[in-house]
């Protein structure tokens, strides 16, 4: 499988660059979840990062890759389709 060095911004992973596995389309996943174990032995805390474009080239406007930005809400539903028959906050498909 192919991986890509992807930078992380915000939250506890700020400034780190990790290899992220790419999907069949050649893009990293839209959300990246990192479980952090609880020192007291309780359930792990999950850090959620959303994929955003890293930047665009000046001449052609092409994407220069991806980066992950910390999502403090922890939901990670940043850019999904907004269906008219769903209520806001409804998580059942």
PDB file of N, CA and C in Angstrom:
ATOM      1  N   UNK A   1       0.848  -1.174   0.000  1.00  0.00           N
ATOM      2  CA  UNK A   1       0.000   0.000   0.000  1.00  0.00           C
ATOM      3  C   UNK A   1       0.896   1.241   0.000  1.00  0.00           C
ATOM      4  N   UNK A   2       0.386   2.284  -0.571  1.00  0.00           N
ATOM      5  CA  UNK A   2       1.117   3.533  -0.679  1.00  0.00           C
ATOM      6  C   UNK A   2       0.783   4.445   0.495  1.00  0.00           C
ATOM      7  N   UNK A   3       1.773   5.220   0.945  1.00  0.00           N
ATOM      8  CA  UNK A   3       1.533   6.191   2.011  1.00  0.00           C
ATOM      9  C   UNK A   3       2.125   7.530   1.604  1.00  0.00           C
ATOM     10  N   UNK A   4       1.681   8.565   2.295  1.00  0.00           N
ATOM     11  CA  UNK A   4       2.112   9.930   1.997  1.00  0.00           C
ATOM     12  C   UNK A   4       2.409  10.637   3.309  1.00  0.00           C
ATOM     13  N   UNK A   5       3.516  11.380   3.363  1.00  0.00           N
ATOM     14  CA  UNK A   5       3.839  12.182   4.533  1.00  0.00           C
ATOM     15  C   UNK A   5       2.847  13.344   4.602  1.00  0.00           C
ATOM     16  N   UNK A   6       2.042  13.401   5.658  1.00  0.00           N
ATOM     17  CA  UNK A   6       0.969  14.387   5.775  1.00  0.00           C
ATOM     18  C   UNK A   6       1.143  15.193   7.048  1.00  0.00           C
ATOM     19  N   UNK A   7       1.150  16.546   6.943  1.00  0.00           N
ATOM     20  CA  UNK A   7       1.300  17.379   8.147  1.00  0.00           C
ATOM     21  C   UNK A   7      -0.012  17.499   8.924  1.00  0.00           C
ATOM     22  N   UNK A   8       0.109  17.707  10.236  1.00  0.00           N
ATOM     23  CA  UNK A   8      -1.034  17.906  11.121  1.00  0.00           C
ATOM     24  C   UNK A   8      -0.949  19.305  11.714  1.00  0.00           C
ATOM     25  N   UNK A   9      -2.107  19.991  11.803  1.00  0.00           N
ATOM     26  CA  UNK A   9      -2.158  21.338  12.378  1.00  0.00           C
ATOM     27  C   UNK A   9      -3.177  21.384  13.495  1.00  0.00           C
ATOM     28  N   UNK A  10      -2.817  22.059  14.575  1.00  0.00           N
ATOM     29  CA  UNK A  10      -3.720  22.252  15.703  1.00  0.00           C
ATOM     30  C   UNK A  10      -3.759  21.041  16.615  1.00  0.00           C
ATOM     31  N   UNK A  11      -4.249  21.271  17.811  1.00  0.00           N
ATOM     32  CA  UNK A  11      -4.389  20.192  18.782  1.00  0.00           C
ATOM     33  C   UNK A  11      -3.053  19.643  19.247  1.00  0.00           C
ATOM     34  N   UNK A  12      -3.068  18.475  19.863  1.00  0.00           N
ATOM     35  CA  UNK A  12      -1.845  17.886  20.404  1.00  0.00           C
ATOM     36  C   UNK A  12      -0.845  17.446  19.333  1.00  0.00           C
ATOM     37  N   UNK A  13      -1.272  17.222  18.103  1.00  0.00           N
ATOM     38  CA  UNK A  13      -0.381  16.743  17.036  1.00  0.00           C
ATOM     39  C   UNK A  13       0.176  17.882  16.201  1.00  0.00           C
ATOM     40  N   UNK A  14       0.027  19.128  16.641  1.00  0.00           N
ATOM     41  CA  UNK A  14       0.437  20.296  15.863  1.00  0.00           C
ATOM     42  C   UNK A  14       1.918  20.234  15.489  1.00  0.00           C
ATOM     43  N   UNK A  15       2.204  20.404  14.202  1.00  0.00           N
ATOM     44  CA  UNK A  15       3.573  20.432  13.718  1.00  0.00           C
ATOM     45  C   UNK A  15       4.162  19.077  13.365  1.00  0.00           C
ATOM     46  N   UNK A  16       3.459  18.014  13.640  1.00  0.00           N
ATOM     47  CA  UNK A  16       3.986  16.686  13.333  1.00  0.00           C
ATOM     48  C   UNK A  16       3.623  16.284  11.905  1.00  0.00           C
ATOM     49  N   UNK A  17       4.453  15.470  11.319  1.00  0.00           N
ATOM     50  CA  UNK A  17       4.218  14.923   9.984  1.00  0.00           C
ATOM     51  C   UNK A  17       4.254  13.409  10.105  1.00  0.00           C
ATOM     52  N   UNK A  18       3.142  12.748   9.725  1.00  0.00           N
ATOM     53  CA  UNK A  18       3.043  11.298   9.836  1.00  0.00           C
ATOM     54  C   UNK A  18       2.774  10.677   8.476  1.00  0.00           C
ATOM     55  N   UNK A  19       3.250   9.452   8.248  1.00  0.00           N
ATOM     56  CA  UNK A  19       2.881   8.754   7.017  1.00  0.00           C
ATOM     57  C   UNK A  19       1.442   8.249   7.140  1.00  0.00           C
ATOM     58  N   UNK A  20       0.598   8.618   6.178  1.00  0.00           N
ATOM     59  CA  UNK A  20      -0.814   8.227   6.188  1.00  0.00           C
ATOM     60  C   UNK A  20      -1.068   7.365   4.957  1.00  0.00           C
ATOM     61  N   UNK A  21      -1.718   6.220   5.160  1.00  0.00           N
ATOM     62  CA  UNK A  21      -2.028   5.339   4.043  1.00  0.00           C
ATOM     63  C   UNK A  21      -3.029   5.996   3.103  1.00  0.00           C
ATOM     64  N   UNK A  22      -2.800   5.832   1.793  1.00  0.00           N
ATOM     65  CA  UNK A  22      -3.689   6.396   0.785  1.00  0.00           C
ATOM     66  C   UNK A  22      -4.720   5.356   0.380  1.00  0.00           C
ATOM     67  N   UNK A  23      -5.892   5.836  -0.008  1.00  0.00           N
ATOM     68  CA  UNK A  23      -6.955   4.950  -0.463  1.00  0.00           C
ATOM     69  C   UNK A  23      -6.789   4.583  -1.924  1.00  0.00           C
ATOM     70  N   UNK A  24      -7.797   3.951  -2.486  1.00  0.00           N
ATOM     71  CA  UNK A  24      -7.753   3.522  -3.877  1.00  0.00           C
ATOM     72  C   UNK A  24      -7.690   4.698  -4.846  1.00  0.00           C
ATOM     73  N   UNK A  25      -8.191   5.853  -4.434  1.00  0.00           N
ATOM     74  CA  UNK A  25      -8.184   7.032  -5.304  1.00  0.00           C
ATOM     75  C   UNK A  25      -6.879   7.813  -5.219  1.00  0.00           C
ATOM     76  N   UNK A  26      -5.985   7.418  -4.307  1.00  0.00           N
ATOM     77  CA  UNK A  26      -4.730   8.115  -4.132  1.00  0.00           C
ATOM     78  C   UNK A  26      -4.796   9.257  -3.142  1.00  0.00           C
ATOM     79  N   UNK A  27      -5.918   9.377  -2.416  1.00  0.00           N
ATOM     80  CA  UNK A  27      -6.097  10.423  -1.414  1.00  0.00           C
ATOM     81  C   UNK A  27      -6.095   9.807  -0.024  1.00  0.00           C
ATOM     82  N   UNK A  28      -5.627  10.558   0.991  1.00  0.00           N
ATOM     83  CA  UNK A  28      -5.750  10.065   2.372  1.00  0.00           C
ATOM     84  C   UNK A  28      -7.217  10.131   2.810  1.00  0.00           C
ATOM     85  N   UNK A  29      -7.588   9.451   3.893  1.00  0.00           N
ATOM     86  CA  UNK A  29      -8.982   9.483   4.351  1.00  0.00           C
ATOM     87  C   UNK A  29      -9.432  10.889   4.741  1.00  0.00           C
ATOM     88  N   UNK A  30     -10.740  11.153   4.653  1.00  0.00           N
ATOM     89  CA  UNK A  30     -11.288  12.481   4.966  1.00  0.00           C
ATOM     90  C   UNK A  30     -11.131  12.827   6.434  1.00  0.00           C
ATOM     91  N   UNK A  31     -11.250  11.844   7.301  1.00  0.00           N
ATOM     92  CA  UNK A  31     -11.030  12.074   8.727  1.00  0.00           C
ATOM     93  C   UNK A  31      -9.989  11.085   9.222  1.00  0.00           C
ATOM     94  N   UNK A  32      -9.182  11.525  10.177  1.00  0.00           N
ATOM     95  CA  UNK A  32      -8.132  10.690  10.753  1.00  0.00           C
ATOM     96  C   UNK A  32      -8.350  10.698  12.258  1.00  0.00           C
ATOM     97  N   UNK A  33      -8.603   9.543  12.821  1.00  0.00           N
ATOM     98  CA  UNK A  33      -8.890   9.428  14.253  1.00  0.00           C
ATOM     99  C   UNK A  33      -7.694   8.794  14.956  1.00  0.00           C
ATOM    100  N   UNK A  34      -7.251   9.426  16.044  1.00  0.00           N
ATOM    101  CA  UNK A  34      -6.094   8.948  16.804  1.00  0.00           C
ATOM    102  C   UNK A  34      -6.554   8.639  18.227  1.00  0.00           C
ATOM    103  N   UNK A  35      -6.613   7.350  18.617  1.00  0.00           N
ATOM    104  CA  UNK A  35      -6.982   7.023  19.995  1.00  0.00           C
ATOM    105  C   UNK A  35      -5.796   7.268  20.936  1.00  0.00           C
ATOM    106  N   UNK A  36      -6.051   7.989  22.014  1.00  0.00           N
ATOM    107  CA  UNK A  36      -5.024   8.274  23.018  1.00  0.00           C
ATOM    108  C   UNK A  36      -5.440   7.566  24.299  1.00  0.00           C
ATOM    109  N   UNK A  37      -4.604   6.615  24.794  1.00  0.00           N
ATOM    110  CA  UNK A  37      -4.997   5.875  25.997  1.00  0.00           C
ATOM    111  C   UNK A  37      -5.073   6.773  27.233  1.00  0.00           C
ATOM    112  N   UNK A  38      -5.999   6.440  28.102  1.00  0.00           N
ATOM    113  CA  UNK A  38      -6.178   7.167  29.360  1.00  0.00           C
ATOM    114  C   UNK A  38      -5.174   6.627  30.381  1.00  0.00           C
ATOM    115  N   UNK A  39      -4.391   7.513  31.038  1.00  0.00           N
ATOM    116  CA  UNK A  39      -3.405   7.012  32.017  1.00  0.00           C
ATOM    117  C   UNK A  39      -4.048   6.296  33.203  1.00  0.00           C
ATOM    118  N   UNK A  40      -5.306   6.615  33.500  1.00  0.00           N
ATOM    119  CA  UNK A  40      -5.981   5.986  34.631  1.00  0.00           C
ATOM    120  C   UNK A  40      -6.599   4.637  34.254  1.00  0.00           C
ATOM    121  N   UNK A  41      -6.498   4.243  32.986  1.00  0.00           N
ATOM    122  CA  UNK A  41      -7.055   2.960  32.564  1.00  0.00           C
ATOM    123  C   UNK A  41      -8.479   3.040  32.062  1.00  0.00           C
ATOM    124  N   UNK A  42      -9.030   4.231  31.926  1.00  0.00           N
ATOM    125  CA  UNK A  42     -10.388   4.388  31.427  1.00  0.00           C
ATOM    126  C   UNK A  42     -10.442   4.286  29.914  1.00  0.00           C
ATOM    127  N   UNK A  43     -11.573   4.640  29.335  1.00  0.00           N
ATOM    128  CA  UNK A  43     -11.695   4.577  27.874  1.00  0.00           C
ATOM    129  C   UNK A  43     -10.768   5.594  27.204  1.00  0.00           C
ATOM    130  N   UNK A  44     -10.224   5.261  26.044  1.00  0.00           N
ATOM    131  CA  UNK A  44      -9.293   6.178  25.380  1.00  0.00           C
ATOM    132  C   UNK A  44      -9.997   7.416  24.836  1.00  0.00           C
ATOM    133  N   UNK A  45      -9.279   8.531  24.803  1.00  0.00           N
ATOM    134  CA  UNK A  45      -9.760   9.762  24.179  1.00  0.00           C
ATOM    135  C   UNK A  45      -9.407   9.690  22.699  1.00  0.00           C
ATOM    136  N   UNK A  46     -10.328  10.091  21.834  1.00  0.00           N
ATOM    137  CA  UNK A  46     -10.086  10.023  20.398  1.00  0.00           C
ATOM    138  C   UNK A  46      -9.921  11.436  19.858  1.00  0.00           C
ATOM    139  N   UNK A  47      -8.761  11.706  19.254  1.00  0.00           N
ATOM    140  CA  UNK A  47      -8.510  12.984  18.588  1.00  0.00           C
ATOM    141  C   UNK A  47      -8.962  12.856  17.143  1.00  0.00           C
ATOM    142  N   UNK A  48      -9.720  13.845  16.646  1.00  0.00           N
ATOM    143  CA  UNK A  48     -10.230  13.790  15.280  1.00  0.00           C
ATOM    144  C   UNK A  48      -9.620  14.932  14.474  1.00  0.00           C
ATOM    145  N   UNK A  49      -9.079  14.586  13.309  1.00  0.00           N
ATOM    146  CA  UNK A  49      -8.508  15.555  12.375  1.00  0.00           C
ATOM    147  C   UNK A  49      -9.234  15.432  11.044  1.00  0.00           C
ATOM    148  N   UNK A  50      -9.532  16.579  10.416  1.00  0.00           N
ATOM    149  CA  UNK A  50     -10.198  16.614   9.109  1.00  0.00           C
ATOM    150  C   UNK A  50      -9.189  16.943   8.018  1.00  0.00           C
ATOM    151  N   UNK A  51      -9.347  16.322   6.842  1.00  0.00           N
ATOM    152  CA  UNK A  51      -8.481  16.574   5.706  1.00  0.00           C
ATOM    153  C   UNK A  51      -8.911  17.854   4.988  1.00  0.00           C
ATOM    154  N   UNK A  52      -7.947  18.726   4.716  1.00  0.00           N
ATOM    155  CA  UNK A  52      -8.202  19.957   3.963  1.00  0.00           C
ATOM    156  C   UNK A  52      -7.074  20.114   2.937  1.00  0.00           C
ATOM    157  N   UNK A  53      -7.306  20.847   1.841  1.00  0.00           N
ATOM    158  CA  UNK A  53      -6.222  21.071   0.877  1.00  0.00           C
ATOM    159  C   UNK A  53      -5.083  21.856   1.508  1.00  0.00           C
ATOM    160  N   UNK A  54      -3.847  21.472   1.189  1.00  0.00           N
ATOM    161  CA  UNK A  54      -2.669  22.143   1.744  1.00  0.00           C
ATOM    162  C   UNK A  54      -2.475  23.510   1.112  1.00  0.00           C
ATOM    163  N   UNK A  55      -2.748  23.638  -0.162  1.00  0.00           N
ATOM    164  CA  UNK A  55      -2.580  24.907  -0.860  1.00  0.00           C
ATOM    165  C   UNK A  55      -2.791  24.694  -2.344  1.00  0.00           C
ATOM    166  N   UNK A  56      -2.673  25.771  -3.116  1.00  0.00           N
ATOM    167  CA  UNK A  56      -2.839  25.684  -4.562  1.00  0.00           C
ATOM    168  C   UNK A  56      -1.651  26.317  -5.252  1.00  0.00           C
ATOM    169  N   UNK A  57      -1.321  25.777  -6.421  1.00  0.00           N
ATOM    170  CA  UNK A  57      -0.230  26.364  -7.196  1.00  0.00           C
ATOM    171  C   UNK A  57      -0.695  27.682  -7.799  1.00  0.00           C
ATOM    172  N   UNK A  58       0.226  28.590  -8.023  1.00  0.00           N
ATOM    173  CA  UNK A  58      -0.136  29.924  -8.512  1.00  0.00           C
ATOM    174  C   UNK A  58      -0.629  29.905  -9.956  1.00  0.00           C
ATOM    175  N   UNK A  59       0.072  29.184 -10.798  1.00  0.00           N
ATOM    176  CA  UNK A  59      -0.249  29.227 -12.228  1.00  0.00           C
ATOM    177  C   UNK A  59      -1.542  28.526 -12.590  1.00  0.00           C
ATOM    178  N   UNK A  60      -1.662  27.271 -12.203  1.00  0.00           N
ATOM    179  CA  UNK A  60      -2.795  26.467 -12.656  1.00  0.00           C
ATOM    180  C   UNK A  60      -3.889  26.281 -11.610  1.00  0.00           C
ATOM    181  N   UNK A  61      -3.614  26.634 -10.363  1.00  0.00           N
ATOM    182  CA  UNK A  61      -4.615  26.462  -9.309  1.00  0.00           C
ATOM    183  C   UNK A  61      -4.793  25.015  -8.886  1.00  0.00           C
ATOM    184  N   UNK A  62      -3.794  24.168  -9.142  1.00  0.00           N
ATOM    185  CA  UNK A  62      -3.879  22.764  -8.764  1.00  0.00           C
ATOM    186  C   UNK A  62      -3.574  22.591  -7.274  1.00  0.00           C
ATOM    187  N   UNK A  63      -4.189  21.574  -6.677  1.00  0.00           N
ATOM    188  CA  UNK A  63      -3.955  21.289  -5.265  1.00  0.00           C
ATOM    189  C   UNK A  63      -2.539  20.756  -5.069  1.00  0.00           C
ATOM    190  N   UNK A  64      -1.876  21.205  -4.009  1.00  0.00           N
ATOM    191  CA  UNK A  64      -0.517  20.767  -3.722  1.00  0.00           C
ATOM    192  C   UNK A  64      -0.483  19.661  -2.676  1.00  0.00           C
ATOM    193  N   UNK A  65      -1.558  19.014  -2.454  1.00  0.00           N
ATOM    194  CA  UNK A  65      -1.608  17.927  -1.482  1.00  0.00           C
ATOM    195  C   UNK A  65      -2.609  18.223  -0.375  1.00  0.00           C
ATOM    196  N   UNK A  66      -2.495  17.462   0.696  1.00  0.00           N
ATOM    197  CA  UNK A  66      -3.452  17.550   1.794  1.00  0.00           C
ATOM    198  C   UNK A  66      -2.734  17.763   3.109  1.00  0.00           C
ATOM    199  N   UNK A  67      -3.488  18.264   4.073  1.00  0.00           N
ATOM    200  CA  UNK A  67      -3.033  18.350   5.458  1.00  0.00           C
ATOM    201  C   UNK A  67      -4.230  18.051   6.336  1.00  0.00           C
ATOM    202  N   UNK A  68      -3.981  17.753   7.593  1.00  0.00           N
ATOM    203  CA  UNK A  68      -5.057  17.494   8.547  1.00  0.00           C
ATOM    204  C   UNK A  68      -5.118  18.628   9.552  1.00  0.00           C
ATOM    205  N   UNK A  69      -6.353  19.083   9.827  1.00  0.00           N
ATOM    206  CA  UNK A  69      -6.607  20.162  10.779  1.00  0.00           C
ATOM    207  C   UNK A  69      -7.429  19.583  11.927  1.00  0.00           C
ATOM    208  N   UNK A  70      -7.053  19.943  13.156  1.00  0.00           N
ATOM    209  CA  UNK A  70      -7.714  19.431  14.358  1.00  0.00           C
ATOM    210  C   UNK A  70      -9.173  19.859  14.406  1.00  0.00           C
ATOM    211  N   UNK A  71     -10.054  18.910  14.722  1.00  0.00           N
ATOM    212  CA  UNK A  71     -11.482  19.178  14.868  1.00  0.00           C
ATOM    213  C   UNK A  71     -11.830  19.043  16.349  1.00  0.00           C
ATOM    214  N   UNK A  72     -11.905  20.173  17.093  1.00  0.00           N
ATOM    215  CA  UNK A  72     -12.152  20.075  18.540  1.00  0.00           C
ATOM    216  C   UNK A  72     -13.522  19.511  18.897  1.00  0.00           C
ATOM    217  N   UNK A  73     -14.499  19.542  17.968  1.00  0.00           N
ATOM    218  CA  UNK A  73     -15.809  18.978  18.277  1.00  0.00           C
ATOM    219  C   UNK A  73     -15.744  17.464  18.356  1.00  0.00           C
ATOM    220  N   UNK A  74     -14.779  16.863  17.652  1.00  0.00           N
ATOM    221  CA  UNK A  74     -14.621  15.418  17.692  1.00  0.00           C
ATOM    222  C   UNK A  74     -15.582  14.657  16.823  1.00  0.00           C
ATOM    223  N   UNK A  75     -16.387  15.345  16.018  1.00  0.00           N
ATOM    224  CA  UNK A  75     -17.349  14.657  15.167  1.00  0.00           C
ATOM    225  C   UNK A  75     -16.752  14.286  13.820  1.00  0.00           C
ATOM    226  N   UNK A  76     -15.949  15.182  13.235  1.00  0.00           N
ATOM    227  CA  UNK A  76     -15.286  14.880  11.978  1.00  0.00           C
ATOM    228  C   UNK A  76     -16.192  14.857  10.773  1.00  0.00           C
ATOM    229  N   UNK A  77     -17.377  15.472  10.852  1.00  0.00           N
ATOM    230  CA  UNK A  77     -18.314  15.443   9.724  1.00  0.00           C
ATOM    231  C   UNK A  77     -18.253  16.736   8.921  1.00  0.00           C
ATOM    232  N   UNK A  78     -17.065  17.260   8.729  1.00  0.00           N
ATOM    233  CA  UNK A  78     -16.866  18.575   8.138  1.00  0.00           C
ATOM    234  C   UNK A  78     -17.503  18.843   6.803  1.00  0.00           C
ATOM    235  N   UNK A  79     -17.543  17.913   5.855  1.00  0.00           N
ATOM    236  CA  UNK A  79     -17.995  18.297   4.533  1.00  0.00           C
ATOM    237  C   UNK A  79     -18.903  17.298   3.852  1.00  0.00           C
ATOM    238  N   UNK A  80     -19.691  16.577   4.595  1.00  0.00           N
ATOM    239  CA  UNK A  80     -20.571  15.597   3.977  1.00  0.00           C
ATOM    240  C   UNK A  80     -21.761  16.256   3.308  1.00  0.00           C
ATOM    241  N   UNK A  81     -22.533  15.484   2.538  1.00  0.00           N
ATOM    242  CA  UNK A  81     -23.713  16.048   1.885  1.00  0.00           C
ATOM    243  C   UNK A  81     -24.773  16.439   2.907  1.00  0.00           C
ATOM    244  N   UNK A  82     -25.471  17.500   2.642  1.00  0.00           N
ATOM    245  CA  UNK A  82     -26.533  17.988   3.516  1.00  0.00           C
ATOM    246  C   UNK A  82     -27.880  17.594   2.906  1.00  0.00           C
ATOM    247  N   UNK A  83     -28.423  16.486   3.382  1.00  0.00           N
ATOM    248  CA  UNK A  83     -29.678  15.994   2.833  1.00  0.00           C
ATOM    249  C   UNK A  83     -30.850  16.779   3.419  1.00  0.00           C
ATOM    250  N   UNK A  84     -31.822  17.164   2.585  1.00  0.00           N
ATOM    251  CA  UNK A  84     -32.926  17.996   3.071  1.00  0.00           C
ATOM    252  C   UNK A  84     -33.870  17.269   4.031  1.00  0.00           C
ATOM    253  N   UNK A  85     -33.903  15.943   4.005  1.00  0.00           N
ATOM    254  CA  UNK A  85     -34.845  15.234   4.856  1.00  0.00           C
ATOM    255  C   UNK A  85     -34.241  14.858   6.213  1.00  0.00           C
ATOM    256  N   UNK A  86     -32.988  15.216   6.448  1.00  0.00           N
ATOM    257  CA  UNK A  86     -32.362  14.946   7.738  1.00  0.00           C
ATOM    258  C   UNK A  86     -32.448  16.150   8.650  1.00  0.00           C
ATOM    259  N   UNK A  87     -32.707  15.886   9.925  1.00  0.00           N
ATOM    260  CA  UNK A  87     -32.704  16.954  10.902  1.00  0.00           C
ATOM    261  C   UNK A  87     -31.273  17.300  11.266  1.00  0.00           C
ATOM    262  N   UNK A  88     -31.033  18.516  11.700  1.00  0.00           N
ATOM    263  CA  UNK A  88     -29.682  18.906  12.118  1.00  0.00           C
ATOM    264  C   UNK A  88     -29.306  18.103  13.359  1.00  0.00           C
ATOM    265  N   UNK A  89     -28.099  17.555  13.364  1.00  0.00           N
ATOM    266  CA  UNK A  89     -27.630  16.755  14.483  1.00  0.00           C
ATOM    267  C   UNK A  89     -28.024  15.303  14.407  1.00  0.00           C
ATOM    268  N   UNK A  90     -28.788  14.909  13.377  1.00  0.00           N
ATOM    269  CA  UNK A  90     -29.212  13.522  13.221  1.00  0.00           C
ATOM    270  C   UNK A  90     -28.046  12.717  12.651  1.00  0.00           C
ATOM    271  N   UNK A  91     -27.614  11.662  13.365  1.00  0.00           N
ATOM    272  CA  UNK A  91     -26.474  10.870  12.909  1.00  0.00           C
ATOM    273  C   UNK A  91     -26.891   9.549  12.289  1.00  0.00           C
ATOM    274  N   UNK A  92     -28.161   9.202  12.349  1.00  0.00           N
ATOM    275  CA  UNK A  92     -28.619   7.947  11.765  1.00  0.00           C
ATOM    276  C   UNK A  92     -28.902   8.158  10.297  1.00  0.00           C
ATOM    277  N   UNK A  93     -28.148   7.437   9.429  1.00  0.00           N
ATOM    278  CA  UNK A  93     -28.211   7.583   7.995  1.00  0.00           C
ATOM    279  C   UNK A  93     -29.562   7.546   7.457  1.00  0.00           C
TER     280      UNK A  93
END
